[in-house]
Amino acid sequence: ETYRLGMKVGDFTMSMYALGLSLRYALLEGENLSLISRSLKENLKKMMKYSTVCAKLAVLDLIIVDELRGAESEPFAIFQGQLTNDSDLINDAIASSNANNVECAHFRRFYSAFWRADYIQAEASSQVLLSLPSSKRPKLISIYFYFFRGLLAFRRYRENNSEEQLRIGIETICKLEFWSQYAPS
């Protein structure tokens, strides 16, 4: 709805953010990956036209979706050689002081590693995320990150009986329980 309203009144940047966020949350909420991939691909040029920041975020989402589908894609082609991978995107975001895109690129690395069952890499990616100053501000995507980070901690605890991983898992549950107090019923 926000997307359509923004397009109607000419607030194209907000429309692109709304579109991108709706697709990101569709992914995190388990929507059909083929539909999300198609929608991202169909809207990427429009995002590039109205908001390159949103296009960069959509590319990160498309990478995850296509990795999960086992599909080959060339999401960075939209940038015509200026950005060729997520490291370029992180460097670009750092250069333009865009903490949100830096954080989102690291979220992508975390989710990709987690869903590939590369738990050591997922743990390393979560540590990078937690070291970012922007990670101190709670945001909606933090709920998903901490949920998966908790699953990761308990998995790692089961694998090597690490009390540190158990502590992280319990802290994560406490954080999610605290946040749930503020969720609408």
Protein backbone atom coordinates (compact mmCIF):
# COMPACT_ATOMS: atom_id res chain seq x y z
CA GLU A 1 0.00 0.00 0.00
CA THR A 2 2.80 2.45 0.89
CA TYR A 3 4.47 1.64 -2.42
CA ARG A 4 1.36 2.46 -4.47
CA LEU A 5 0.55 5.58 -2.48
CA GLY A 6 4.13 6.86 -2.78
CA MET A 7 4.12 6.33 -6.54
CA LYS A 8 0.77 8.10 -6.79
CA VAL A 9 1.96 11.23 -4.94
CA GLY A 10 5.43 11.21 -6.49
CA ASP A 11 7.46 10.10 -3.47
CA PHE A 12 9.45 7.61 -5.51
CA THR A 13 12.25 7.07 -3.00
CA MET A 14 9.83 6.09 -0.22
CA SER A 15 7.96 3.90 -2.69
CA MET A 16 11.16 2.04 -3.52
CA TYR A 17 11.98 1.55 0.17
CA ALA A 18 8.46 0.21 0.79
CA LEU A 19 8.71 -2.16 -2.17
CA GLY A 20 12.16 -3.40 -1.13
CA LEU A 21 11.15 -3.91 2.48
CA SER A 22 7.99 -5.78 1.54
CA LEU A 23 10.07 -8.18 -0.56
CA ARG A 24 12.74 -8.58 2.14
CA TYR A 25 10.16 -9.44 4.76
CA ALA A 26 8.40 -11.79 2.36
CA LEU A 27 11.70 -13.68 2.18
CA LEU A 28 12.18 -13.74 5.94
CA GLU A 29 8.59 -14.82 6.46
CA GLY A 30 8.88 -17.81 4.13
CA GLU A 31 7.15 -16.70 0.93
CA ASN A 32 7.75 -18.63 -2.27
CA LEU A 33 11.33 -17.95 -3.36
CA SER A 34 10.57 -18.09 -7.09
CA LEU A 35 7.93 -15.39 -6.70
CA ILE A 36 10.24 -13.18 -4.67
CA SER A 37 13.06 -13.65 -7.18
CA ARG A 38 10.80 -12.77 -10.08
CA SER A 39 9.45 -9.70 -8.30
CA LEU A 40 12.95 -8.49 -7.37
CA LYS A 41 14.15 -8.94 -10.95
CA GLU A 42 11.08 -7.19 -12.36
CA ASN A 43 11.50 -4.21 -10.04
CA LEU A 44 15.28 -3.82 -9.98
CA LYS A 45 15.42 -1.40 -12.94
CA LYS A 46 12.66 0.73 -11.44
CA MET A 47 14.54 0.81 -8.13
CA MET A 48 17.73 1.77 -9.94
CA LYS A 49 15.91 4.61 -11.68
CA TYR A 50 14.37 6.08 -8.53
CA SER A 51 16.76 5.06 -5.74
CA THR A 52 20.14 3.44 -6.23
CA VAL A 53 20.32 2.88 -2.46
CA CYS A 54 17.18 0.72 -2.67
CA ALA A 55 18.52 -1.05 -5.75
CA LYS A 56 21.67 -1.99 -3.84
CA LEU A 57 19.60 -3.45 -1.02
CA ALA A 58 17.41 -5.34 -3.49
CA VAL A 59 20.50 -6.87 -5.10
CA LEU A 60 21.55 -8.21 -1.70
CA ASP A 61 18.11 -9.77 -1.27
CA LEU A 62 18.21 -11.22 -4.77
CA ILE A 63 21.57 -12.86 -4.02
CA ILE A 64 20.10 -14.62 -0.98
CA VAL A 65 16.95 -15.70 -2.81
CA ASP A 66 18.83 -17.08 -5.79
CA GLU A 67 21.38 -18.83 -3.56
CA LEU A 68 18.54 -20.53 -1.71
CA ARG A 69 16.92 -21.52 -5.00
CA GLY A 70 20.22 -22.81 -6.39
CA ALA A 71 19.73 -20.43 -9.31
CA GLU A 72 22.44 -18.57 -11.13
CA SER A 73 21.91 -14.86 -11.52
CA GLU A 74 23.84 -11.74 -12.34
CA PRO A 75 22.32 -9.23 -9.91
CA PHE A 76 25.27 -6.83 -10.07
CA ALA A 77 24.88 -6.40 -13.85
CA ILE A 78 22.44 -3.57 -13.13
CA PHE A 79 25.41 -1.50 -11.90
CA GLN A 80 27.21 -1.82 -15.26
CA GLY A 81 30.57 -2.79 -13.77
CA GLN A 82 30.65 -0.15 -11.01
CA LEU A 83 29.81 -2.76 -8.37
CA THR A 84 30.55 -6.42 -9.05
CA ASN A 85 30.07 -8.14 -5.67
CA ASP A 86 28.94 -7.54 -2.11
CA SER A 87 32.43 -6.43 -1.04
CA ASP A 88 32.22 -3.63 -3.62
CA LEU A 89 28.81 -2.78 -2.24
CA ILE A 90 30.15 -2.64 1.32
CA ASN A 91 33.07 -0.43 0.24
CA ASP A 92 30.65 1.83 -1.66
CA ALA A 93 28.38 2.08 1.39
CA ILE A 94 31.35 2.89 3.64
CA ALA A 95 32.58 5.56 1.19
CA SER A 96 29.12 7.16 1.14
CA SER A 97 28.66 6.79 4.93
CA ASN A 98 25.61 4.57 4.43
CA ALA A 99 25.63 2.49 7.61
CA ASN A 100 22.33 0.83 6.70
CA ASN A 101 23.70 -0.69 3.49
CA VAL A 102 26.89 -1.81 5.25
CA GLU A 103 24.77 -3.54 7.85
CA CYS A 104 22.42 -5.08 5.26
CA ALA A 105 25.37 -6.50 3.30
CA HIS A 106 26.61 -8.18 6.47
CA PHE A 107 23.09 -9.43 7.24
CA ARG A 108 23.16 -11.06 3.80
CA ARG A 109 26.45 -12.75 4.58
CA PHE A 110 25.10 -13.99 7.90
CA TYR A 111 21.84 -15.36 6.45
CA SER A 112 23.60 -16.95 3.48
CA ALA A 113 26.07 -18.75 5.72
CA PHE A 114 23.34 -19.81 8.16
CA TRP A 115 21.05 -21.20 5.46
CA ARG A 116 24.00 -23.02 3.81
CA ALA A 117 24.66 -24.64 7.21
CA ASP A 118 28.12 -23.01 7.34
CA TYR A 119 27.76 -22.30 11.04
CA ILE A 120 31.35 -21.23 11.58
CA GLN A 121 31.03 -18.55 8.87
CA ALA A 122 27.60 -17.56 10.19
CA GLU A 123 29.11 -17.06 13.66
CA ALA A 124 31.93 -14.96 12.18
CA SER A 125 29.41 -12.89 10.22
CA SER A 126 27.29 -12.36 13.32
CA GLN A 127 30.35 -11.07 15.17
CA VAL A 128 31.04 -8.58 12.37
CA LEU A 129 27.42 -7.43 12.51
CA LEU A 130 27.51 -6.99 16.26
CA SER A 131 30.70 -4.93 15.98
CA LEU A 132 29.00 -2.35 13.73
CA PRO A 133 27.90 0.81 15.57
CA SER A 134 24.57 0.68 13.73
CA SER A 135 23.81 -2.71 15.29
CA LYS A 136 23.25 -1.01 18.65
CA ARG A 137 20.00 0.57 17.37
CA PRO A 138 17.18 -1.95 17.34
CA LYS A 139 15.25 -2.19 14.10
CA LEU A 140 12.74 -4.61 12.70
CA ILE A 141 15.34 -6.74 10.94
CA SER A 142 17.13 -7.14 14.31
CA ILE A 143 14.33 -9.46 15.41
CA TYR A 144 15.11 -11.86 12.56
CA PHE A 145 18.85 -11.58 13.11
CA TYR A 146 18.61 -12.37 16.81
CA PHE A 147 16.17 -15.22 16.20
CA PHE A 148 18.60 -16.88 13.77
CA ARG A 149 21.59 -15.97 15.94
CA GLY A 150 19.89 -17.74 18.86
CA LEU A 151 19.30 -20.83 16.73
CA LEU A 152 22.94 -20.69 15.67
CA ALA A 153 24.15 -20.38 19.27
CA PHE A 154 22.13 -23.38 20.42
CA ARG A 155 23.29 -25.39 17.40
CA ARG A 156 26.92 -24.54 18.15
CA TYR A 157 26.34 -25.40 21.82
CA ARG A 158 25.04 -28.84 20.82
CA GLU A 159 28.06 -29.38 18.56
CA ASN A 160 30.81 -28.51 21.04
CA ASN A 161 29.17 -28.03 24.45
CA SER A 162 30.47 -24.44 24.63
CA GLU A 163 29.13 -22.59 27.63
CA GLU A 164 29.72 -19.34 25.72
CA GLN A 165 27.31 -20.46 22.99
CA LEU A 166 24.74 -21.47 25.61
CA ARG A 167 25.09 -18.03 27.23
CA ILE A 168 24.58 -16.32 23.83
CA GLY A 169 21.49 -18.45 23.17
CA ILE A 170 19.96 -17.65 26.55
CA GLU A 171 20.74 -13.92 26.15
CA THR A 172 19.06 -14.03 22.76
CA ILE A 173 15.91 -15.59 24.20
CA CYS A 174 15.85 -12.89 26.89
CA LYS A 175 16.25 -10.15 24.28
CA LEU A 176 13.43 -11.56 22.14
CA GLU A 177 11.19 -11.97 25.18
CA PHE A 178 11.87 -8.35 26.16
CA TRP A 179 11.03 -7.11 22.66
CA SER A 180 7.88 -9.24 22.55
CA GLN A 181 6.42 -7.12 25.36
CA TYR A 182 6.15 -4.27 22.86
CA ALA A 183 4.69 -6.29 20.00
CA PRO A 184 1.00 -5.82 19.25
CA SER A 185 -1.09 -8.86 20.13
